[in-house]
Protein backbone atom coordinates (compact mmCIF):
# COMPACT_ATOMS: atom_id res chain seq x y z
CA ALA A 1 74.57 102.51 96.96
CA PRO A 2 72.02 102.70 100.21
CA GLY A 3 72.86 99.71 102.64
CA GLY A 4 71.50 100.02 106.15
CA ALA A 5 71.92 102.68 108.84
CA ALA A 6 74.85 104.90 110.87
CA PRO A 7 74.57 106.42 114.09
CA GLY A 8 72.46 109.89 113.97
CA GLY A 9 70.39 108.65 111.24
CA ALA A 10 72.83 108.16 108.06
CA ALA A 11 72.80 105.56 105.85
CA VAL A 12 76.05 103.54 106.02
CA ALA A 13 76.89 103.37 102.17
CA ARG A 14 77.50 100.00 100.33
CA LEU A 15 80.54 101.29 98.19
CA HIS A 16 80.52 100.19 94.16
CA SER A 17 83.40 100.39 92.16
CA ALA A 18 82.81 103.61 90.88
CA GLY A 19 82.32 105.18 94.34
CA ARG A 20 85.61 103.68 95.80
CA GLU A 21 87.57 105.33 92.56
CA HIS A 22 85.43 108.69 93.28
CA LEU A 23 87.05 108.51 97.05
CA ARG A 24 90.53 107.46 95.73
CA GLN A 25 90.50 110.37 93.49
CA MET A 26 89.54 112.87 96.34
CA GLY A 27 92.38 111.63 98.16
CA ARG A 28 94.41 111.96 95.25
CA VAL A 29 93.42 115.83 95.18
CA ILE A 30 94.21 115.98 98.99
CA ALA A 31 98.20 114.97 98.08
CA PHE A 32 97.55 117.53 95.53
CA ASP A 33 96.73 120.50 97.78
CA CYS A 34 99.26 119.66 100.10
CA LEU A 35 101.77 120.40 97.61
CA ILE A 36 100.41 123.58 96.44
CA PHE A 37 99.06 124.41 100.08
CA ASN A 38 95.30 125.23 98.87
CA TRP A 39 93.18 124.30 102.08
CA ASP A 40 90.18 125.18 100.59
CA ARG A 41 88.42 122.55 99.15
CA LEU A 42 88.64 118.76 101.02
CA PRO A 43 89.75 118.93 104.85
CA CYS A 44 92.55 116.52 106.02
CA VAL A 45 95.51 118.70 107.52
CA TRP A 46 94.19 121.84 107.54
CA GLY A 47 91.99 122.94 110.59
CA ASN A 48 89.07 124.10 108.85
CA ASN A 49 86.15 122.30 107.45
CA GLY A 50 86.63 122.55 103.73
CA ASN A 51 84.84 123.74 101.04
CA PRO A 52 83.14 121.32 98.87
CA GLY A 53 82.02 123.78 96.23
CA ASN A 54 85.23 123.50 94.41
CA VAL A 55 84.95 119.86 94.29
CA MET A 56 82.91 118.68 91.37
CA PHE A 57 82.03 116.06 88.79
CA ASN A 58 82.12 116.32 84.94
CA LYS A 59 79.64 114.57 82.72
CA GLN A 60 82.42 111.39 82.13
CA ASP A 61 81.37 111.36 86.36
CA ASN A 62 84.89 111.95 86.85
CA LEU A 63 86.20 114.21 89.98
CA GLY A 64 87.09 117.54 88.54
CA CYS A 65 88.27 120.67 90.83
CA ILE A 66 87.89 124.30 90.66
CA ASP A 67 89.86 127.02 92.11
CA SER A 68 93.04 125.39 92.26
CA CYS A 69 94.94 128.29 94.26
CA CYS A 70 98.40 128.13 95.36
CA MET A 71 99.37 129.48 98.21
CA HIS A 72 102.67 128.53 99.34
CA ILE A 73 103.97 129.71 103.14
CA GLY A 74 107.40 131.40 103.02
CA VAL A 75 110.24 129.47 103.98
CA ASP A 76 111.90 132.07 105.80
CA LEU A 77 108.88 133.42 108.17
CA PRO A 78 109.66 133.29 111.93
CA ASN A 79 108.67 130.17 113.88
CA ASN A 80 109.02 128.06 110.61
CA PRO A 81 105.55 127.38 109.68
CA ALA A 82 106.64 126.08 106.30
CA GLN A 83 108.51 123.29 108.04
CA LYS A 84 106.32 122.53 110.58
CA PHE A 85 103.59 121.82 107.93
CA ALA A 86 106.37 119.57 106.29
CA ASP A 87 107.02 117.46 109.68
CA ARG A 88 103.20 116.89 109.87
CA LEU A 89 102.60 115.75 106.34
CA GLU A 90 105.92 113.57 106.86
CA ALA A 91 104.18 112.16 110.08
CA LEU A 92 100.92 111.49 108.12
CA VAL A 93 102.58 110.01 105.41
CA PHE A 94 104.37 107.38 107.32
CA ALA A 95 100.82 106.42 109.35
CA VAL A 96 99.27 105.95 106.65
CA ALA A 97 101.91 103.85 104.54
CA THR A 98 102.48 101.79 107.55
CA HIS A 99 98.39 101.07 108.58
CA PRO A 100 97.15 101.51 104.96
CA SER A 101 94.03 99.28 106.52
CA GLU A 102 93.53 101.61 109.83
CA PRO A 103 91.33 105.04 109.12
CA GLN A 104 93.24 107.69 110.14
CA PRO A 105 91.60 110.99 112.05
CA ASP A 106 92.89 113.38 108.96
CA PHE A 107 90.94 111.51 106.52
CA GLN A 108 87.99 110.61 108.92
CA LYS A 109 87.46 114.42 108.59
CA VAL A 110 86.33 113.72 105.14
CA GLN A 111 84.01 111.11 105.85
CA THR A 112 82.29 113.45 108.36
CA LEU A 113 82.18 116.21 105.34
CA LEU A 114 80.57 113.93 103.04
CA ARG A 115 77.80 112.39 105.83
CA ASP A 116 77.41 115.86 107.80
CA GLY A 117 78.05 118.20 105.61
CA ILE A 118 78.81 122.16 106.74
CA PRO A 119 75.98 123.73 108.49
CA SER A 120 74.78 126.80 106.37
CA LEU A 121 77.19 125.60 103.26
CA TYR A 122 76.53 121.93 102.33
CA ASP A 123 74.18 119.85 103.44
CA GLY A 124 75.92 116.43 103.01
CA LEU A 125 74.89 113.19 101.51
CA MET A 126 73.48 111.44 104.38
CA TYR A 127 75.43 108.78 103.70
CA ASP A 128 78.27 107.26 105.75
CA ILE A 129 81.35 106.22 103.38
CA ASN A 130 82.19 104.11 106.66
CA ASP A 131 86.05 103.00 107.49
CA ASP A 132 86.36 101.31 104.04
CA GLY A 133 85.50 104.29 102.23
CA VAL A 134 88.51 106.86 104.60
CA ILE A 135 90.67 103.55 103.58
CA GLU A 136 90.27 104.19 99.93
CA VAL A 137 90.45 107.89 100.05
CA GLN A 138 93.94 107.16 101.95
CA THR A 139 95.09 104.73 98.95
CA GLY A 140 94.17 107.62 96.53
CA PHE A 141 96.36 109.89 98.84
CA LEU A 142 99.09 107.45 98.92
CA GLU A 143 99.30 106.97 94.99
CA MET A 144 99.84 110.90 94.09
CA VAL A 145 102.02 110.97 97.29
CA ARG A 146 104.29 108.40 95.69
CA ILE A 147 104.07 110.53 92.44
CA ILE A 148 104.94 113.48 93.91
CA ALA A 149 107.91 111.97 95.71
CA GLU A 150 109.03 110.39 92.83
CA SER A 151 108.80 113.40 90.32
CA MET A 152 108.96 116.62 91.93
CA THR A 153 112.40 117.90 92.67
CA LEU A 154 113.85 121.84 93.21
CA ALA A 155 114.70 122.08 89.56
CA LYS A 156 111.26 120.51 88.49
CA LEU A 157 109.14 123.32 90.19
CA GLU A 158 111.54 126.02 89.30
CA SER A 159 111.19 124.79 85.89
CA VAL A 160 107.23 124.47 86.12
CA GLU A 161 107.06 128.16 87.67
CA ARG A 162 109.27 129.70 85.06
CA ASP A 163 107.18 128.21 82.44
CA LEU A 164 103.68 128.90 83.76
CA PHE A 165 105.21 132.83 84.30
CA ASN A 166 106.36 133.17 80.51
CA SER A 167 103.11 131.65 79.31
CA THR A 168 101.17 134.18 81.47
CA GLN A 169 103.09 136.92 80.68
CA ARG A 170 102.47 136.44 77.28
CA ILE A 171 99.12 136.44 77.66
CA TYR A 172 98.66 139.25 79.68
CA THR A 173 100.66 141.95 77.75
CA SER A 174 98.25 141.05 74.79
CA SER A 175 95.68 141.93 76.60
CA GLU A 176 93.70 145.96 77.63
CA ASP A 177 95.40 145.49 81.72
CA HIS A 178 98.84 145.19 80.36
CA GLY A 179 99.73 148.33 81.59
CA HIS A 180 98.20 147.98 85.10
CA VAL A 181 101.50 147.44 87.48
CA GLU A 182 99.77 146.00 90.08
CA PHE A 183 99.34 142.91 87.74
CA GLN A 184 102.88 142.37 86.71
CA GLN A 185 103.24 139.80 89.31
CA PHE A 186 99.91 138.19 88.10
CA GLY A 187 99.76 136.20 91.38
CA PHE A 188 103.00 134.16 91.35
CA GLN A 189 104.32 135.82 94.51
CA CYS A 190 102.62 133.17 96.06
CA ILE A 191 104.65 130.47 94.23
CA ILE A 192 107.65 129.48 95.95
CA PRO A 193 109.07 126.21 94.76
CA GLN A 194 111.34 125.65 97.68
CA PHE A 195 107.97 125.27 99.73
CA GLY A 196 106.81 122.73 97.03
CA ASN A 197 110.27 120.82 97.09
CA MET A 198 109.74 120.99 101.27
CA VAL A 199 106.41 119.10 101.02
CA ALA A 200 107.73 116.63 98.01
CA ASP A 201 110.45 116.05 100.79
CA ALA A 202 108.38 115.65 103.39
CA PHE A 203 106.41 112.85 101.40
CA ARG A 204 110.06 110.86 100.58
CA LYS A 205 110.50 111.06 104.19
CA GLY A 206 107.45 109.78 105.59
CA LEU A 207 107.79 106.73 102.82
CA ALA A 208 110.99 105.83 103.67
CA ALA A 209 110.90 106.11 107.07
CA ALA A 210 107.78 103.45 106.22
CA ALA A 211 109.69 101.46 104.12
CA GLU A 212 112.65 101.26 106.96
CA ALA A 213 109.91 100.79 109.65
CA SER A 214 108.60 97.35 107.18
CA ALA A 215 111.86 96.37 106.94
CA GLU A 216 112.64 95.81 110.47
CA ASP A 217 109.08 94.98 111.36
CA ALA A 218 109.85 91.99 108.95
CA GLN A 219 113.32 90.80 110.22
CA ALA A 220 111.64 91.04 113.34
CA ARG A 221 109.31 88.75 112.75
CA VAL A 222 111.79 86.41 111.04
CA GLU A 223 113.92 86.33 114.23
CA SER A 224 111.47 85.70 115.91
CA ASP A 225 110.25 82.45 114.06
CA ARG A 226 113.98 81.34 114.28
CA LEU A 227 113.92 81.83 118.30
CA ALA A 228 109.94 79.88 118.26
CA MET A 229 111.78 77.39 115.96
CA ARG A 230 114.89 76.63 118.21
CA VAL A 231 112.46 76.57 121.38
CA LEU A 232 110.16 74.09 119.81
CA THR A 233 113.37 72.05 118.75
CA MET A 234 114.36 71.87 122.31
CA MET A 235 110.86 70.85 123.62
CA LEU A 236 110.91 67.94 121.32
CA PRO A 237 114.63 66.21 122.38
CA SER A 238 116.09 64.64 118.82
CA SER A 239 116.60 60.68 119.11
CA HIS A 240 119.57 61.21 117.16
CA HIS A 241 120.97 63.73 115.26
CA HIS A 242 122.78 63.76 111.56
CA HIS A 243 125.37 66.06 110.83
CA GLY A 244 123.97 68.40 113.39
CA VAL A 245 120.13 68.72 112.09
CA PRO A 246 117.71 66.76 114.15
CA GLY A 247 116.09 63.84 112.80
CA LYS A 248 113.18 62.22 114.49
CA LEU A 249 112.06 64.00 117.00
CA LYS A 250 109.72 63.03 120.15
CA ARG A 251 108.01 64.22 122.67
CA GLN A 252 106.15 62.85 125.92
CA HIS A 253 102.54 64.05 126.23
CA SER A 254 101.75 61.57 129.33
CA GLN A 255 102.68 58.67 130.77
CA HIS A 256 101.62 56.26 127.74
CA SER A 257 101.90 58.50 124.68
CA VAL A 258 104.84 59.14 122.44
CA MET A 259 104.63 61.20 119.07
CA MET A 260 107.36 60.79 116.51
CA ILE A 261 107.26 63.82 114.50
CA ASP A 262 110.27 64.51 111.47
CA ASP A 263 111.84 67.90 110.79
CA GLU A 264 109.58 69.04 108.41
CA GLU A 265 106.50 67.98 110.30
CA VAL A 266 107.66 70.11 113.26
CA LEU A 267 107.80 72.99 110.41
CA GLN A 268 104.47 72.64 109.45
CA VAL A 269 103.25 72.47 112.99
CA TRP A 270 105.04 75.92 113.86
């Protein structure tokens, strides 16, 4: 929905519920594309501008994708690019999970694509989804990350690959092209379950590290509150104690005023 203007002449989109869902769907697609290493769709962890022609909407106004090519990286290549990609994903998941309300630079690439397009390829929408829209994309990404982390194991990926290969082989051998030797692998050499498992592991590690960091932050806040309460109690000398618990507390505010506070009020003040 139009609303205002952004730098560069683009209008600022006021996101309605359908628009927010579309952006969350884009985030889910990005997480799925990480699993299959398909860089030819929406920009994020890849160094390209994306290919919005592979993102479409069906008649029900839901996001649909074409050319979902699996292009896994070999896990035993020199300099280990597969592990570098996994480390990149782990760091991204950690950043999004620990700061869900902060737009991350990788997801701002989607904002740029939708607003400005790609020269000679895509004109863009001339609408700026703003930070709210970027956060919606991140939310969808994290949703799919959790699904993949919980459901994808090496055994599962190997089973999916085997079932797909067998199904494809049955279709292929019944066609006129079954005699062509070069087609015997059906492109399955590009599907490497070990790589997919590295991606799922990166998702799991990023989520676990974020959960641990959140728990540590929560514990730190508790300890900080306890320390502050002790300091506040020391600032308000007790007139009497009962079983070690301060009773009525008083504080000299000036030479002429003394305020009496009980324990419950001290907690409320803090």
